[in-house]
Amino acid sequence: MSDTTDTLMTAASVAVADKTTRPAAAGGVSARDLVRLVQGLYFIFWGVLVTVVVGTQVLVSLWNRSFTEVFLAAGVVSILIGSLRLAQVKLERLQPALLGRLWERRARVILRLAMLLAYFGVLFFMWRGAVGSVYLQVNALAFVVAVIVYLIILSRTVAALAAGLGSDELAMESRLFNVGNVGLLLLPCLLALIYLAVMTVQHGTNLLVEFSILLSRLSLLVAMVFLLPLSLTLSVVWAAKDIALRRLAEIDLDRDPDRQEGSS
């Protein structure tokens, strides 16, 4: 009888030790990866918001330079840090395994786009000191397009993450909001660039100067239409961050039975 009791106690102690030494996971995601997800999404949320707001202000007030332009660099760096944190997250334990591979592909794409944003962001800032440079004009326009493409791929990445974390509703919202990104951001921007290119050739003016004039003439309603897909994309990013935080809270409760009993 004592041998049986000792065997059971030994097995229980091994199970407890194994549980404390192995990284806890919720839904196939380890606590370390959940922390990276929260950090990455948090950096991306504020980085995208600051980059879009300051970048738009730079284009509208083309000739009035101010200290706020410094925050453009902070926004781009924040996007780069957040994208790097997302690329470090490994979701190979997700079921089905296809979701894990899909997440890894999109996280790598997000990181590459963030690196392009950092490159074009430097040239966009340099263009402010040499507005007439054709080379810097092209790169500054590429920065605008890269921001829009980043938002589109970000929505697709959040959709894959939400599906992996078990939030099918958020995954569906991300896909639907991405349609708004394409319809209200990418297509109008491309059409505006084609129109401005034609106007520049005809009048012999500066392409980005014409673009800034066009932006300054936008009515409040049109501006709100353009801001709608941005706000929707940021909302799903924030919701995905909250889901990751809840998963971390579940792991914390599993590790502390006393807190679990108190919460129940």
Protein backbone atom coordinates (compact mmCIF):
# COMPACT_ATOMS: atom_id res chain seq x y z
CA MET A 1 0.00 0.00 0.00
CA SER A 2 2.81 2.39 0.89
CA ASP A 3 4.60 1.56 -2.37
CA THR A 4 1.49 2.44 -4.34
CA THR A 5 1.13 5.73 -2.45
CA ASP A 6 4.78 6.61 -3.00
CA THR A 7 4.43 5.84 -6.71
CA LEU A 8 1.37 8.07 -7.04
CA MET A 9 3.07 10.90 -5.14
CA THR A 10 6.17 10.62 -7.31
CA ALA A 11 4.11 10.70 -10.51
CA ALA A 12 2.21 13.75 -9.26
CA SER A 13 5.41 15.60 -8.37
CA VAL A 14 6.90 14.81 -11.80
CA ALA A 15 3.77 16.12 -13.50
CA VAL A 16 3.89 19.35 -11.46
CA ALA A 17 7.57 19.82 -12.18
CA ASP A 18 7.03 19.13 -15.87
CA LYS A 19 4.22 21.67 -15.95
CA THR A 20 6.39 24.36 -14.35
CA THR A 21 9.45 23.76 -16.53
CA ARG A 22 7.71 23.61 -19.88
CA PRO A 23 6.49 26.90 -21.39
CA ALA A 24 2.78 27.24 -20.82
CA ALA A 25 0.60 27.57 -23.87
CA ALA A 26 -2.94 28.61 -24.66
CA GLY A 27 -4.49 27.40 -27.86
CA GLY A 28 -1.13 26.17 -29.17
CA VAL A 29 0.65 29.50 -28.49
CA SER A 30 3.34 29.75 -25.82
CA ALA A 31 3.40 32.52 -23.24
CA ARG A 32 6.57 33.94 -24.77
CA ASP A 33 4.97 34.17 -28.20
CA LEU A 34 1.87 35.77 -26.72
CA VAL A 35 4.04 38.45 -25.12
CA ARG A 36 5.71 39.06 -28.49
CA LEU A 37 2.30 39.31 -30.13
CA VAL A 38 1.10 41.89 -27.62
CA GLN A 39 4.26 43.95 -27.96
CA GLY A 40 4.28 43.75 -31.76
CA LEU A 41 0.63 44.70 -32.20
CA TYR A 42 0.98 47.53 -29.69
CA PHE A 43 3.99 49.02 -31.52
CA ILE A 44 2.29 48.62 -34.89
CA PHE A 45 -0.93 50.27 -33.70
CA TRP A 46 0.73 53.45 -32.52
CA GLY A 47 3.35 53.41 -35.27
CA VAL A 48 0.78 53.27 -38.06
CA LEU A 49 -1.36 55.95 -36.41
CA VAL A 50 1.54 58.38 -35.96
CA THR A 51 2.99 57.68 -39.42
CA VAL A 52 -0.30 58.29 -41.25
CA VAL A 53 -1.22 61.42 -39.27
CA VAL A 54 2.21 63.06 -39.51
CA GLY A 55 2.76 61.95 -43.11
CA THR A 56 -0.56 63.45 -44.18
CA GLN A 57 0.27 66.66 -42.34
CA VAL A 58 3.61 66.85 -44.17
CA LEU A 59 1.94 66.47 -47.56
CA VAL A 60 -0.84 68.97 -46.87
CA SER A 61 1.41 71.68 -45.39
CA LEU A 62 4.21 71.13 -47.89
CA TRP A 63 5.99 74.44 -47.41
CA ASN A 64 5.56 74.79 -43.64
CA ARG A 65 8.15 72.67 -41.89
CA SER A 66 7.67 71.98 -38.18
CA PHE A 67 9.04 69.90 -35.31
CA THR A 68 6.21 67.39 -35.69
CA GLU A 69 8.03 65.83 -38.65
CA VAL A 70 10.38 64.20 -36.16
CA PHE A 71 7.49 62.00 -35.05
CA LEU A 72 7.36 60.54 -38.56
CA ALA A 73 10.64 58.75 -37.86
CA ALA A 74 9.31 57.57 -34.50
CA GLY A 75 6.21 56.13 -36.19
CA VAL A 76 8.20 54.28 -38.86
CA VAL A 77 10.64 52.87 -36.29
CA SER A 78 7.70 51.74 -34.15
CA ILE A 79 6.22 49.90 -37.16
CA LEU A 80 9.58 48.24 -37.81
CA ILE A 81 9.94 47.10 -34.18
CA GLY A 82 6.38 45.78 -34.06
CA SER A 83 6.77 43.91 -37.34
CA LEU A 84 10.01 42.35 -36.10
CA ARG A 85 8.28 41.13 -32.95
CA LEU A 86 5.50 39.56 -35.00
CA ALA A 87 8.03 37.82 -37.25
CA GLN A 88 9.60 36.26 -34.14
CA VAL A 89 6.32 34.59 -33.14
CA LYS A 90 6.15 30.88 -33.96
CA LEU A 91 2.70 29.36 -34.31
CA GLU A 92 3.65 25.94 -35.64
CA ARG A 93 1.61 24.22 -32.90
CA LEU A 94 -1.65 25.65 -34.22
CA GLN A 95 -4.25 23.24 -35.56
CA PRO A 96 -4.69 22.94 -38.45
CA ALA A 97 -0.98 23.33 -39.22
CA LEU A 98 -1.90 25.31 -42.35
CA LEU A 99 -2.72 28.29 -40.15
CA GLY A 100 0.75 28.26 -38.63
CA ARG A 101 2.44 28.24 -42.02
CA LEU A 102 0.10 30.96 -43.29
CA TRP A 103 0.93 33.13 -40.30
CA GLU A 104 4.69 32.70 -40.79
CA ARG A 105 4.49 33.69 -44.46
CA ARG A 106 2.44 36.81 -43.76
CA ALA A 107 4.58 37.79 -40.78
CA ARG A 108 7.67 37.65 -43.00
CA VAL A 109 5.95 39.80 -45.62
CA ILE A 110 4.96 42.31 -42.94
CA LEU A 111 8.57 42.56 -41.79
CA ARG A 112 9.85 43.12 -45.34
CA LEU A 113 7.26 45.82 -45.94
CA ALA A 114 8.26 47.50 -42.68
CA MET A 115 11.88 47.53 -43.85
CA LEU A 116 10.77 49.13 -47.13
CA LEU A 117 8.81 51.72 -45.15
CA ALA A 118 11.94 52.56 -43.18
CA TYR A 119 13.93 52.97 -46.41
CA PHE A 120 11.31 55.08 -48.18
CA GLY A 121 10.65 57.02 -44.97
CA VAL A 122 14.24 58.28 -44.92
CA LEU A 123 13.97 59.43 -48.53
CA PHE A 124 10.54 60.96 -47.83
CA PHE A 125 12.11 63.04 -45.08
CA MET A 126 15.03 64.00 -47.36
CA TRP A 127 12.58 65.04 -50.08
CA ARG A 128 11.26 67.76 -47.76
CA GLY A 129 14.61 69.52 -48.15
CA ALA A 130 14.79 69.07 -51.93
CA VAL A 131 11.24 69.17 -53.26
CA GLY A 132 12.38 69.51 -56.86
CA SER A 133 14.44 66.31 -56.93
CA VAL A 134 12.78 63.80 -59.26
CA TYR A 135 14.52 60.85 -57.58
CA LEU A 136 13.28 61.87 -54.15
CA GLN A 137 9.81 62.58 -55.57
CA VAL A 138 9.49 59.02 -56.84
CA ASN A 139 10.67 57.56 -53.55
CA ALA A 140 8.36 59.82 -51.55
CA LEU A 141 5.42 58.62 -53.62
CA ALA A 142 6.62 55.05 -53.09
CA PHE A 143 6.48 55.73 -49.35
CA VAL A 144 2.80 56.72 -49.62
CA VAL A 145 1.96 53.60 -51.62
CA ALA A 146 4.00 51.40 -49.25
CA VAL A 147 2.01 52.64 -46.25
CA ILE A 148 -1.25 51.69 -47.98
CA VAL A 149 0.07 48.28 -49.00
CA TYR A 150 1.29 47.73 -45.44
CA LEU A 151 -2.23 48.38 -44.12
CA ILE A 152 -3.67 45.85 -46.58
CA ILE A 153 -1.17 43.12 -45.68
CA LEU A 154 -1.57 43.97 -41.99
CA SER A 155 -5.28 43.23 -42.18
CA ARG A 156 -4.55 39.89 -43.86
CA THR A 157 -1.99 39.07 -41.18
CA VAL A 158 -4.40 39.91 -38.37
CA ALA A 159 -7.01 37.69 -40.05
CA ALA A 160 -4.60 34.74 -40.00
CA LEU A 161 -3.68 35.47 -36.37
CA ALA A 162 -7.32 35.77 -35.27
CA ALA A 163 -8.16 32.45 -36.94
CA GLY A 164 -5.20 30.83 -35.19
CA LEU A 165 -6.27 32.20 -31.80
CA GLY A 166 -9.80 30.87 -32.31
CA SER A 167 -11.55 34.17 -33.04
CA ASP A 168 -13.34 33.47 -36.31
CA GLU A 169 -15.43 36.62 -35.93
CA LEU A 170 -12.36 38.87 -35.80
CA ALA A 171 -10.84 37.00 -38.73
CA MET A 172 -13.95 37.66 -40.79
CA GLU A 173 -13.96 41.34 -39.77
CA SER A 174 -10.33 41.69 -40.83
CA ARG A 175 -11.09 40.26 -44.27
CA LEU A 176 -14.11 42.53 -44.72
CA PHE A 177 -12.23 45.62 -43.56
CA ASN A 178 -9.45 44.75 -45.99
CA VAL A 179 -11.93 45.21 -48.84
CA GLY A 180 -12.33 48.79 -47.59
CA ASN A 181 -8.57 49.24 -47.60
CA VAL A 182 -8.39 48.25 -51.25
CA GLY A 183 -11.52 50.13 -52.34
CA LEU A 184 -11.09 53.33 -50.32
CA LEU A 185 -7.32 53.64 -50.08
CA LEU A 186 -5.35 51.77 -52.74
CA LEU A 187 -7.54 52.29 -55.81
CA PRO A 188 -8.23 56.03 -55.20
CA CYS A 189 -4.54 56.59 -54.50
CA LEU A 190 -3.49 54.89 -57.74
CA LEU A 191 -6.09 56.82 -59.73
CA ALA A 192 -4.96 60.08 -58.13
CA LEU A 193 -1.33 59.32 -58.99
CA ILE A 194 -2.25 58.61 -62.62
CA TYR A 195 -4.24 61.85 -62.80
CA LEU A 196 -1.45 63.85 -61.22
CA ALA A 197 1.14 62.30 -63.53
CA VAL A 198 -0.90 63.43 -66.54
CA MET A 199 -1.31 66.91 -65.06
CA THR A 200 2.39 67.13 -64.32
CA VAL A 201 3.34 66.22 -67.88
CA GLN A 202 0.88 68.73 -69.32
CA HIS A 203 1.74 71.62 -66.99
CA GLY A 204 5.37 70.77 -66.28
CA THR A 205 4.88 71.05 -62.52
CA ASN A 206 6.05 69.01 -59.54
CA LEU A 207 4.09 65.80 -59.02
CA LEU A 208 4.12 65.84 -55.24
CA VAL A 209 3.35 69.54 -55.14
CA GLU A 210 0.23 68.82 -57.18
CA PHE A 211 -0.55 65.94 -54.84
CA SER A 212 -0.30 68.17 -51.78
CA ILE A 213 -2.57 70.74 -53.43
CA LEU A 214 -5.10 68.00 -54.18
CA LEU A 215 -5.00 66.81 -50.57
CA SER A 216 -5.50 70.34 -49.26
CA ARG A 217 -8.65 70.66 -51.39
CA LEU A 218 -10.24 67.52 -49.98
CA SER A 219 -13.47 68.13 -48.16
CA LEU A 220 -14.05 66.86 -44.64
CA LEU A 221 -16.38 64.13 -45.91
CA VAL A 222 -13.81 62.76 -48.35
CA ALA A 223 -11.13 62.90 -45.67
CA MET A 224 -13.36 60.90 -43.31
CA VAL A 225 -13.95 58.30 -46.03
CA PHE A 226 -10.20 57.87 -46.37
CA LEU A 227 -9.79 57.67 -42.60
CA LEU A 228 -12.48 55.00 -42.26
CA PRO A 229 -10.40 52.04 -43.50
CA LEU A 230 -7.48 53.22 -41.36
CA SER A 231 -9.59 53.30 -38.22
CA LEU A 232 -11.12 49.90 -39.00
CA THR A 233 -7.70 48.33 -39.54
CA LEU A 234 -6.39 49.77 -36.29
CA SER A 235 -9.48 48.51 -34.48
CA VAL A 236 -8.83 44.89 -35.50
CA VAL A 237 -5.16 45.26 -34.56
CA TRP A 238 -6.19 46.43 -31.09
CA ALA A 239 -8.77 43.64 -30.80
CA ALA A 240 -6.13 41.04 -31.71
CA LYS A 241 -3.87 42.49 -29.01
CA ASP A 242 -6.68 42.13 -26.47
CA ILE A 243 -7.20 38.48 -27.45
CA ALA A 244 -3.49 37.79 -26.92
CA LEU A 245 -3.69 39.49 -23.51
CA ARG A 246 -6.64 37.30 -22.53
CA ARG A 247 -4.68 34.20 -23.51
CA LEU A 248 -1.84 35.39 -21.28
CA ALA A 249 -4.30 35.88 -18.43
CA GLU A 250 -5.55 32.31 -18.90
CA ILE A 251 -1.99 31.00 -18.67
CA ASP A 252 -1.43 33.05 -15.53
CA LEU A 253 -4.52 31.53 -13.92
CA ASP A 254 -3.40 28.02 -14.86
CA ARG A 255 -0.05 28.61 -13.19
CA ASP A 256 -1.63 29.97 -9.98
CA PRO A 257 -4.42 27.66 -8.72
CA ASP A 258 -5.14 29.94 -5.75
CA ARG A 259 -5.97 32.85 -8.04
CA GLN A 260 -8.07 30.54 -10.21
CA GLU A 261 -10.12 29.48 -7.18
CA GLY A 262 -10.50 33.12 -6.09
CA SER A 263 -11.70 34.21 -9.51
CA SER A 264 -14.22 31.38 -9.63
